[in-house]
PDB file of N, CA and C in Angstrom:
ATOM      1  N   MET A   1     -47.414   3.159  56.121  1.00  0.00           N
ATOM      2  CA  MET A   1     -46.953   4.508  56.411  1.00  0.00           C
ATOM      3  C   MET A   1     -47.081   4.782  57.902  1.00  0.00           C
ATOM      4  N   THR A   2     -46.121   5.491  58.404  1.00  0.00           N
ATOM      5  CA  THR A   2     -46.104   5.849  59.810  1.00  0.00           C
ATOM      6  C   THR A   2     -46.894   7.129  60.030  1.00  0.00           C
ATOM      7  N   ASP A   3     -47.725   7.135  61.077  1.00  0.00           N
ATOM      8  CA  ASP A   3     -48.453   8.350  61.465  1.00  0.00           C
ATOM      9  C   ASP A   3     -47.555   9.106  62.438  1.00  0.00           C
ATOM     10  N   PHE A   4     -46.802  10.067  61.921  1.00  0.00           N
ATOM     11  CA  PHE A   4     -45.828  10.777  62.737  1.00  0.00           C
ATOM     12  C   PHE A   4     -46.454  11.699  63.775  1.00  0.00           C
ATOM     13  N   SER A   5     -47.745  11.940  63.696  1.00  0.00           N
ATOM     14  CA  SER A   5     -48.411  12.721  64.742  1.00  0.00           C
ATOM     15  C   SER A   5     -48.530  11.903  66.026  1.00  0.00           C
ATOM     16  N   GLN A   6     -48.277  10.594  65.936  1.00  0.00           N
ATOM     17  CA  GLN A   6     -48.363   9.704  67.091  1.00  0.00           C
ATOM     18  C   GLN A   6     -46.992   9.276  67.619  1.00  0.00           C
ATOM     19  N   ILE A   7     -45.913   9.760  67.010  1.00  0.00           N
ATOM     20  CA  ILE A   7     -44.562   9.383  67.434  1.00  0.00           C
ATOM     21  C   ILE A   7     -44.092  10.344  68.525  1.00  0.00           C
ATOM     22  N   THR A   8     -43.652   9.785  69.640  1.00  0.00           N
ATOM     23  CA  THR A   8     -43.186  10.587  70.764  1.00  0.00           C
ATOM     24  C   THR A   8     -41.756  11.083  70.517  1.00  0.00           C
ATOM     25  N   ALA A   9     -41.291  11.970  71.340  1.00  0.00           N
ATOM     26  CA  ALA A   9     -39.941  12.538  71.199  1.00  0.00           C
ATOM     27  C   ALA A   9     -38.864  11.465  71.177  1.00  0.00           C
ATOM     28  N   CYS A  10     -39.072  10.386  71.930  1.00  0.00           N
ATOM     29  CA  CYS A  10     -38.074   9.321  72.001  1.00  0.00           C
ATOM     30  C   CYS A  10     -38.267   8.265  70.923  1.00  0.00           C
ATOM     31  N   GLY A  11     -39.240   8.483  70.028  1.00  0.00           N
ATOM     32  CA  GLY A  11     -39.429   7.564  68.919  1.00  0.00           C
ATOM     33  C   GLY A  11     -40.400   6.433  69.182  1.00  0.00           C
ATOM     34  N   GLU A  12     -41.108   6.481  70.289  1.00  0.00           N
ATOM     35  CA  GLU A  12     -42.114   5.475  70.593  1.00  0.00           C
ATOM     36  C   GLU A  12     -43.454   5.913  70.022  1.00  0.00           C
ATOM     37  N   CYS A  13     -44.402   5.016  70.015  1.00  0.00           N
ATOM     38  CA  CYS A  13     -45.764   5.326  69.588  1.00  0.00           C
ATOM     39  C   CYS A  13     -46.696   4.863  70.703  1.00  0.00           C
ATOM     40  N   CYS A  14     -47.501   5.785  71.205  1.00  0.00           N
ATOM     41  CA  CYS A  14     -48.379   5.468  72.325  1.00  0.00           C
ATOM     42  C   CYS A  14     -49.600   4.647  71.920  1.00  0.00           C
ATOM     43  N   GLN A  15     -49.924   4.604  70.642  1.00  0.00           N
ATOM     44  CA  GLN A  15     -51.068   3.820  70.203  1.00  0.00           C
ATOM     45  C   GLN A  15     -50.849   2.363  70.552  1.00  0.00           C
ATOM     46  N   GLY A  16     -51.834   1.759  71.177  1.00  0.00           N
ATOM     47  CA  GLY A  16     -51.742   0.364  71.563  1.00  0.00           C
ATOM     48  C   GLY A  16     -51.056   0.128  72.899  1.00  0.00           C
ATOM     49  N   CYS A  17     -50.548   1.183  73.539  1.00  0.00           N
ATOM     50  CA  CYS A  17     -49.888   1.035  74.838  1.00  0.00           C
ATOM     51  C   CYS A  17     -50.922   0.622  75.886  1.00  0.00           C
ATOM     52  N   GLU A  18     -50.617  -0.426  76.616  1.00  0.00           N
ATOM     53  CA  GLU A  18     -51.543  -0.945  77.624  1.00  0.00           C
ATOM     54  C   GLU A  18     -51.858   0.088  78.706  1.00  0.00           C
ATOM     55  N   LYS A  19     -50.853   0.825  79.166  1.00  0.00           N
ATOM     56  CA  LYS A  19     -51.079   1.835  80.198  1.00  0.00           C
ATOM     57  C   LYS A  19     -52.034   2.917  79.698  1.00  0.00           C
ATOM     58  N   ARG A  20     -51.857   3.295  78.453  1.00  0.00           N
ATOM     59  CA  ARG A  20     -52.726   4.326  77.878  1.00  0.00           C
ATOM     60  C   ARG A  20     -54.135   3.783  77.676  1.00  0.00           C
ATOM     61  N   MET A  21     -54.252   2.562  77.173  1.00  0.00           N
ATOM     62  CA  MET A  21     -55.557   1.965  76.921  1.00  0.00           C
ATOM     63  C   MET A  21     -56.350   1.776  78.206  1.00  0.00           C
ATOM     64  N   LYS A  22     -55.647   1.532  79.319  1.00  0.00           N
ATOM     65  CA  LYS A  22     -56.322   1.346  80.613  1.00  0.00           C
ATOM     66  C   LYS A  22     -56.552   2.665  81.348  1.00  0.00           C
ATOM     67  N   GLY A  23     -56.111   3.773  80.744  1.00  0.00           N
ATOM     68  CA  GLY A  23     -56.358   5.081  81.336  1.00  0.00           C
ATOM     69  C   GLY A  23     -55.344   5.516  82.382  1.00  0.00           C
ATOM     70  N   PHE A  24     -54.215   4.808  82.495  1.00  0.00           N
ATOM     71  CA  PHE A  24     -53.194   5.179  83.472  1.00  0.00           C
ATOM     72  C   PHE A  24     -52.288   6.298  82.975  1.00  0.00           C
ATOM     73  N   CYS A  25     -52.276   6.521  81.664  1.00  0.00           N
ATOM     74  CA  CYS A  25     -51.394   7.511  81.065  1.00  0.00           C
ATOM     75  C   CYS A  25     -52.100   8.141  79.867  1.00  0.00           C
ATOM     76  N   ARG A  26     -52.017   9.457  79.749  1.00  0.00           N
ATOM     77  CA  ARG A  26     -52.632  10.143  78.605  1.00  0.00           C
ATOM     78  C   ARG A  26     -51.748  10.070  77.371  1.00  0.00           C
ATOM     79  N   GLY A  27     -50.468   9.831  77.556  1.00  0.00           N
ATOM     80  CA  GLY A  27     -49.518   9.814  76.440  1.00  0.00           C
ATOM     81  C   GLY A  27     -48.653  11.056  76.485  1.00  0.00           C
ATOM     82  N   CYS A  28     -47.415  10.921  76.074  1.00  0.00           N
ATOM     83  CA  CYS A  28     -46.444  12.019  76.135  1.00  0.00           C
ATOM     84  C   CYS A  28     -46.871  13.245  75.331  1.00  0.00           C
ATOM     85  N   ILE A  29     -47.391  13.001  74.136  1.00  0.00           N
ATOM     86  CA  ILE A  29     -47.763  14.119  73.272  1.00  0.00           C
ATOM     87  C   ILE A  29     -48.905  14.903  73.897  1.00  0.00           C
ATOM     88  N   GLU A  30     -49.964  14.206  74.271  1.00  0.00           N
ATOM     89  CA  GLU A  30     -51.141  14.858  74.845  1.00  0.00           C
ATOM     90  C   GLU A  30     -50.860  15.513  76.195  1.00  0.00           C
ATOM     91  N   ALA A  31     -49.961  14.911  76.969  1.00  0.00           N
ATOM     92  CA  ALA A  31     -49.664  15.415  78.311  1.00  0.00           C
ATOM     93  C   ALA A  31     -48.445  16.337  78.323  1.00  0.00           C
ATOM     94  N   ASP A  32     -47.911  16.671  77.150  1.00  0.00           N
ATOM     95  CA  ASP A  32     -46.736  17.530  77.021  1.00  0.00           C
ATOM     96  C   ASP A  32     -45.559  17.035  77.869  1.00  0.00           C
ATOM     97  N   GLY A  33     -45.411  15.715  77.911  1.00  0.00           N
ATOM     98  CA  GLY A  33     -44.287  15.116  78.623  1.00  0.00           C
ATOM     99  C   GLY A  33     -44.489  14.895  80.111  1.00  0.00           C
ATOM    100  N   TYR A  34     -45.651  15.259  80.621  1.00  0.00           N
ATOM    101  CA  TYR A  34     -45.955  15.047  82.042  1.00  0.00           C
ATOM    102  C   TYR A  34     -46.773  13.775  82.179  1.00  0.00           C
ATOM    103  N   VAL A  35     -46.082  12.655  82.273  1.00  0.00           N
ATOM    104  CA  VAL A  35     -46.733  11.349  82.340  1.00  0.00           C
ATOM    105  C   VAL A  35     -46.420  10.673  83.672  1.00  0.00           C
ATOM    106  N   PRO A  36     -47.219   9.660  84.060  1.00  0.00           N
ATOM    107  CA  PRO A  36     -47.025   9.016  85.371  1.00  0.00           C
ATOM    108  C   PRO A  36     -45.607   8.524  85.648  1.00  0.00           C
ATOM    109  N   GLU A  37     -44.917   7.999  84.622  1.00  0.00           N
ATOM    110  CA  GLU A  37     -43.551   7.496  84.835  1.00  0.00           C
ATOM    111  C   GLU A  37     -42.600   8.583  85.319  1.00  0.00           C
ATOM    112  N   TRP A  38     -42.895   9.819  84.992  1.00  0.00           N
ATOM    113  CA  TRP A  38     -42.014  10.928  85.342  1.00  0.00           C
ATOM    114  C   TRP A  38     -42.591  11.788  86.462  1.00  0.00           C
ATOM    115  N   ALA A  39     -43.618  11.296  87.150  1.00  0.00           N
ATOM    116  CA  ALA A  39     -44.282  12.094  88.185  1.00  0.00           C
ATOM    117  C   ALA A  39     -43.306  12.579  89.258  1.00  0.00           C
ATOM    118  N   GLY A  40     -42.346  11.752  89.620  1.00  0.00           N
ATOM    119  CA  GLY A  40     -41.395  12.130  90.654  1.00  0.00           C
ATOM    120  C   GLY A  40     -40.359  13.141  90.216  1.00  0.00           C
ATOM    121  N   SER A  41     -40.115  13.214  88.915  1.00  0.00           N
ATOM    122  CA  SER A  41     -39.077  14.122  88.432  1.00  0.00           C
ATOM    123  C   SER A  41     -39.629  15.226  87.535  1.00  0.00           C
ATOM    124  N   GLY A  42     -40.928  15.263  87.368  1.00  0.00           N
ATOM    125  CA  GLY A  42     -41.529  16.297  86.539  1.00  0.00           C
ATOM    126  C   GLY A  42     -41.686  15.847  85.105  1.00  0.00           C
ATOM    127  N   ARG A  43     -41.365  16.708  84.206  1.00  0.00           N
ATOM    128  CA  ARG A  43     -41.552  16.463  82.776  1.00  0.00           C
ATOM    129  C   ARG A  43     -40.463  15.551  82.211  1.00  0.00           C
ATOM    130  N   CYS A  44     -40.838  14.706  81.279  1.00  0.00           N
ATOM    131  CA  CYS A  44     -39.878  13.823  80.614  1.00  0.00           C
ATOM    132  C   CYS A  44     -38.766  14.661  79.988  1.00  0.00           C
ATOM    133  N   ARG A  45     -37.526  14.340  80.298  1.00  0.00           N
ATOM    134  CA  ARG A  45     -36.374  15.086  79.779  1.00  0.00           C
ATOM    135  C   ARG A  45     -36.261  15.005  78.262  1.00  0.00           C
ATOM    136  N   VAL A  46     -36.583  13.856  77.707  1.00  0.00           N
ATOM    137  CA  VAL A  46     -36.485  13.669  76.262  1.00  0.00           C
ATOM    138  C   VAL A  46     -37.513  14.562  75.563  1.00  0.00           C
ATOM    139  N   HIS A  47     -38.736  14.537  76.059  1.00  0.00           N
ATOM    140  CA  HIS A  47     -39.801  15.359  75.487  1.00  0.00           C
ATOM    141  C   HIS A  47     -39.440  16.839  75.598  1.00  0.00           C
ATOM    142  N   ALA A  48     -39.005  17.254  76.771  1.00  0.00           N
ATOM    143  CA  ALA A  48     -38.652  18.663  76.989  1.00  0.00           C
ATOM    144  C   ALA A  48     -37.506  19.092  76.071  1.00  0.00           C
ATOM    145  N   CYS A  49     -36.516  18.252  75.898  1.00  0.00           N
ATOM    146  CA  CYS A  49     -35.367  18.573  75.050  1.00  0.00           C
ATOM    147  C   CYS A  49     -35.798  18.707  73.584  1.00  0.00           C
ATOM    148  N   ALA A  50     -36.590  17.753  73.100  1.00  0.00           N
ATOM    149  CA  ALA A  50     -37.049  17.813  71.710  1.00  0.00           C
ATOM    150  C   ALA A  50     -37.862  19.081  71.466  1.00  0.00           C
ATOM    151  N   ARG A  51     -38.727  19.419  72.393  1.00  0.00           N
ATOM    152  CA  ARG A  51     -39.542  20.630  72.225  1.00  0.00           C
ATOM    153  C   ARG A  51     -38.678  21.889  72.287  1.00  0.00           C
ATOM    154  N   ALA A  52     -37.680  21.903  73.156  1.00  0.00           N
ATOM    155  CA  ALA A  52     -36.781  23.058  73.256  1.00  0.00           C
ATOM    156  C   ALA A  52     -35.998  23.265  71.958  1.00  0.00           C
ATOM    157  N   HIS A  53     -35.753  22.167  71.246  1.00  0.00           N
ATOM    158  CA  HIS A  53     -35.024  22.237  69.981  1.00  0.00           C
ATOM    159  C   HIS A  53     -35.957  22.319  68.765  1.00  0.00           C
ATOM    160  N   GLY A  54     -37.249  22.405  69.018  1.00  0.00           N
ATOM    161  CA  GLY A  54     -38.214  22.529  67.922  1.00  0.00           C
ATOM    162  C   GLY A  54     -38.332  21.291  67.058  1.00  0.00           C
ATOM    163  N   ALA A  55     -38.036  20.121  67.636  1.00  0.00           N
ATOM    164  CA  ALA A  55     -38.069  18.876  66.877  1.00  0.00           C
ATOM    165  C   ALA A  55     -39.295  18.050  67.239  1.00  0.00           C
ATOM    166  N   LEU A  56     -39.918  17.461  66.248  1.00  0.00           N
ATOM    167  CA  LEU A  56     -41.045  16.573  66.470  1.00  0.00           C
ATOM    168  C   LEU A  56     -40.602  15.355  67.288  1.00  0.00           C
ATOM    169  N   PHE A  57     -39.439  14.824  66.945  1.00  0.00           N
ATOM    170  CA  PHE A  57     -38.805  13.744  67.714  1.00  0.00           C
ATOM    171  C   PHE A  57     -37.295  13.881  67.547  1.00  0.00           C
ATOM    172  N   CYS A  58     -36.538  13.232  68.402  1.00  0.00           N
ATOM    173  CA  CYS A  58     -35.085  13.427  68.462  1.00  0.00           C
ATOM    174  C   CYS A  58     -34.379  13.231  67.121  1.00  0.00           C
ATOM    175  N   GLY A  59     -34.829  12.305  66.315  1.00  0.00           N
ATOM    176  CA  GLY A  59     -34.185  12.041  65.036  1.00  0.00           C
ATOM    177  C   GLY A  59     -34.239  13.215  64.073  1.00  0.00           C
ATOM    178  N   LEU A  60     -35.146  14.160  64.310  1.00  0.00           N
ATOM    179  CA  LEU A  60     -35.269  15.338  63.452  1.00  0.00           C
ATOM    180  C   LEU A  60     -34.582  16.567  64.036  1.00  0.00           C
ATOM    181  N   CYS A  61     -33.947  16.409  65.168  1.00  0.00           N
ATOM    182  CA  CYS A  61     -33.254  17.523  65.825  1.00  0.00           C
ATOM    183  C   CYS A  61     -31.997  17.898  65.034  1.00  0.00           C
ATOM    184  N   GLN A  62     -31.699  19.175  64.961  1.00  0.00           N
ATOM    185  CA  GLN A  62     -30.488  19.645  64.278  1.00  0.00           C
ATOM    186  C   GLN A  62     -29.220  19.102  64.939  1.00  0.00           C
ATOM    187  N   GLU A  63     -29.303  18.759  66.221  1.00  0.00           N
ATOM    188  CA  GLU A  63     -28.134  18.259  66.952  1.00  0.00           C
ATOM    189  C   GLU A  63     -28.076  16.730  67.016  1.00  0.00           C
ATOM    190  N   PHE A  64     -28.967  16.044  66.320  1.00  0.00           N
ATOM    191  CA  PHE A  64     -28.994  14.581  66.330  1.00  0.00           C
ATOM    192  C   PHE A  64     -27.812  14.017  65.558  1.00  0.00           C
ATOM    193  N   PRO A  65     -27.170  13.002  66.097  1.00  0.00           N
ATOM    194  CA  PRO A  65     -27.322  12.434  67.426  1.00  0.00           C
ATOM    195  C   PRO A  65     -26.451  13.192  68.436  1.00  0.00           C
ATOM    196  N   CYS A  66     -27.025  13.540  69.536  1.00  0.00           N
ATOM    197  CA  CYS A  66     -26.254  14.252  70.557  1.00  0.00           C
ATOM    198  C   CYS A  66     -25.676  13.250  71.551  1.00  0.00           C
ATOM    199  N   GLU A  67     -24.703  13.672  72.311  1.00  0.00           N
ATOM    200  CA  GLU A  67     -24.050  12.741  73.250  1.00  0.00           C
ATOM    201  C   GLU A  67     -24.927  12.407  74.451  1.00  0.00           C
ATOM    202  N   GLU A  68     -25.991  13.181  74.698  1.00  0.00           N
ATOM    203  CA  GLU A  68     -26.882  12.886  75.822  1.00  0.00           C
ATOM    204  C   GLU A  68     -27.928  11.825  75.490  1.00  0.00           C
ATOM    205  N   LEU A  69     -28.125  11.567  74.226  1.00  0.00           N
ATOM    206  CA  LEU A  69     -29.176  10.653  73.787  1.00  0.00           C
ATOM    207  C   LEU A  69     -29.123   9.273  74.450  1.00  0.00           C
ATOM    208  N   PRO A  70     -27.990   8.572  74.447  1.00  0.00           N
ATOM    209  CA  PRO A  70     -27.961   7.238  75.069  1.00  0.00           C
ATOM    210  C   PRO A  70     -28.312   7.236  76.562  1.00  0.00           C
ATOM    211  N   SER A  71     -27.957   8.276  77.287  1.00  0.00           N
ATOM    212  CA  SER A  71     -28.290   8.295  78.713  1.00  0.00           C
ATOM    213  C   SER A  71     -29.748   8.698  78.940  1.00  0.00           C
ATOM    214  N   MET A  72     -30.302   9.521  78.059  1.00  0.00           N
ATOM    215  CA  MET A  72     -31.702   9.919  78.220  1.00  0.00           C
ATOM    216  C   MET A  72     -32.652   8.816  77.784  1.00  0.00           C
ATOM    217  N   ILE A  73     -32.250   8.014  76.818  1.00  0.00           N
ATOM    218  CA  ILE A  73     -33.094   6.921  76.320  1.00  0.00           C
ATOM    219  C   ILE A  73     -32.345   5.612  76.556  1.00  0.00           C
ATOM    220  N   HIS A  74     -32.049   5.348  77.807  1.00  0.00           N
ATOM    221  CA  HIS A  74     -31.222   4.210  78.214  1.00  0.00           C
ATOM    222  C   HIS A  74     -31.899   2.860  78.002  1.00  0.00           C
ATOM    223  N   TRP A  75     -33.226   2.829  77.888  1.00  0.00           N
ATOM    224  CA  TRP A  75     -33.954   1.572  77.749  1.00  0.00           C
ATOM    225  C   TRP A  75     -33.855   0.980  76.335  1.00  0.00           C
ATOM    226  N   ASN A  76     -33.315   1.746  75.394  1.00  0.00           N
ATOM    227  CA  ASN A  76     -33.185   1.250  74.019  1.00  0.00           C
ATOM    228  C   ASN A  76     -31.724   1.382  73.581  1.00  0.00           C
ATOM    229  N   PRO A  77     -30.965   0.286  73.617  1.00  0.00           N
ATOM    230  CA  PRO A  77     -29.549   0.365  73.246  1.00  0.00           C
ATOM    231  C   PRO A  77     -29.326   0.709  71.767  1.00  0.00           C
ATOM    232  N   ASP A  78     -30.353   0.579  70.943  1.00  0.00           N
ATOM    233  CA  ASP A  78     -30.245   0.886  69.514  1.00  0.00           C
ATOM    234  C   ASP A  78     -30.955   2.192  69.161  1.00  0.00           C
ATOM    235  N   ILE A  79     -31.040   3.109  70.122  1.00  0.00           N
ATOM    236  CA  ILE A  79     -31.849   4.311  69.934  1.00  0.00           C
ATOM    237  C   ILE A  79     -31.374   5.182  68.778  1.00  0.00           C
ATOM    238  N   THR A  80     -30.089   5.335  68.585  1.00  0.00           N
ATOM    239  CA  THR A  80     -29.594   6.185  67.497  1.00  0.00           C
ATOM    240  C   THR A  80     -30.037   5.632  66.146  1.00  0.00           C
ATOM    241  N   GLU A  81     -29.887   4.341  65.954  1.00  0.00           N
ATOM    242  CA  GLU A  81     -30.306   3.715  64.702  1.00  0.00           C
ATOM    243  C   GLU A  81     -31.816   3.804  64.530  1.00  0.00           C
ATOM    244  N   HIS A  82     -32.557   3.569  65.600  1.00  0.00           N
ATOM    245  CA  HIS A  82     -34.022   3.631  65.556  1.00  0.00           C
ATOM    246  C   HIS A  82     -34.494   5.023  65.133  1.00  0.00           C
ATOM    247  N   LEU A  83     -33.960   6.053  65.777  1.00  0.00           N
ATOM    248  CA  LEU A  83     -34.372   7.425  65.477  1.00  0.00           C
ATOM    249  C   LEU A  83     -33.897   7.871  64.094  1.00  0.00           C
ATOM    250  N   ALA A  84     -32.732   7.411  63.673  1.00  0.00           N
ATOM    251  CA  ALA A  84     -32.246   7.741  62.327  1.00  0.00           C
ATOM    252  C   ALA A  84     -33.168   7.130  61.273  1.00  0.00           C
ATOM    253  N   GLY A  85     -33.614   5.904  61.513  1.00  0.00           N
ATOM    254  CA  GLY A  85     -34.544   5.247  60.598  1.00  0.00           C
ATOM    255  C   GLY A  85     -35.883   5.965  60.542  1.00  0.00           C
ATOM    256  N   LEU A  86     -36.391   6.383  61.697  1.00  0.00           N
ATOM    257  CA  LEU A  86     -37.646   7.142  61.735  1.00  0.00           C
ATOM    258  C   LEU A  86     -37.501   8.457  60.977  1.00  0.00           C
ATOM    259  N   ALA A  87     -36.379   9.136  61.169  1.00  0.00           N
ATOM    260  CA  ALA A  87     -36.144  10.407  60.489  1.00  0.00           C
ATOM    261  C   ALA A  87     -36.094  10.205  58.978  1.00  0.00           C
ATOM    262  N   GLU A  88     -35.471   9.131  58.544  1.00  0.00           N
ATOM    263  CA  GLU A  88     -35.406   8.820  57.116  1.00  0.00           C
ATOM    264  C   GLU A  88     -36.817   8.575  56.562  1.00  0.00           C
ATOM    265  N   ASP A  89     -37.615   7.794  57.300  1.00  0.00           N
ATOM    266  CA  ASP A  89     -38.998   7.544  56.881  1.00  0.00           C
ATOM    267  C   ASP A  89     -39.803   8.838  56.831  1.00  0.00           C
ATOM    268  N   TYR A  90     -39.622   9.693  57.823  1.00  0.00           N
ATOM    269  CA  TYR A  90     -40.327  10.970  57.882  1.00  0.00           C
ATOM    270  C   TYR A  90     -40.000  11.813  56.647  1.00  0.00           C
ATOM    271  N   ARG A  91     -38.719  11.945  56.360  1.00  0.00           N
ATOM    272  CA  ARG A  91     -38.293  12.758  55.222  1.00  0.00           C
ATOM    273  C   ARG A  91     -38.812  12.177  53.898  1.00  0.00           C
ATOM    274  N   ARG A  92     -38.807  10.866  53.794  1.00  0.00           N
ATOM    275  CA  ARG A  92     -39.309  10.208  52.583  1.00  0.00           C
ATOM    276  C   ARG A  92     -40.805  10.477  52.420  1.00  0.00           C
ATOM    277  N   GLN A  93     -41.560  10.323  53.507  1.00  0.00           N
ATOM    278  CA  GLN A  93     -43.010  10.557  53.445  1.00  0.00           C
ATOM    279  C   GLN A  93     -43.344  12.004  53.121  1.00  0.00           C
ATOM    280  N   LYS A  94     -42.530  12.921  53.605  1.00  0.00           N
ATOM    281  CA  LYS A  94     -42.776  14.350  53.383  1.00  0.00           C
ATOM    282  C   LYS A  94     -42.148  14.854  52.079  1.00  0.00           C
ATOM    283  N   GLY A  95     -41.451  13.959  51.373  1.00  0.00           N
ATOM    284  CA  GLY A  95     -40.801  14.354  50.126  1.00  0.00           C
ATOM    285  C   GLY A  95     -39.595  15.242  50.349  1.00  0.00           C
ATOM    286  N   LEU A  96     -38.906  15.052  51.479  1.00  0.00           N
ATOM    287  CA  LEU A  96     -37.763  15.885  51.832  1.00  0.00           C
ATOM    288  C   LEU A  96     -36.421  15.209  51.622  1.00  0.00           C
ATOM    289  N   GLU A  97     -36.423  13.966  51.116  1.00  0.00           N
ATOM    290  CA  GLU A  97     -35.151  13.268  50.944  1.00  0.00           C
ATOM    291  C   GLU A  97     -34.365  13.881  49.795  1.00  0.00           C
ATOM    292  N   GLY A  98     -33.085  13.628  49.832  1.00  0.00           N
ATOM    293  CA  GLY A  98     -32.230  14.097  48.743  1.00  0.00           C
ATOM    294  C   GLY A  98     -31.431  15.215  49.157  1.00  0.00           C
TER     295      GLY A  98
END
């Protein structure tokens, strides 16, 4: 089972992240999207967007999949499928499928 309290807006999980384990990053959830990778530009756009839409992560957003998703999460070419799968797992675990 997935611990969805540890899933970031972009569908990643900070548990086990080397940067976090070494103390270089608190994690997107704990830092409200203000992490070292985004220090030059402020808050992570993906995190800010998900929170503005009241979504735990992008796959649960009412506007998913939006046309901005591939450019905001450019490091994962399969992001739509990944987030759709996470959303399906979330709904199944919460008994919301159907």
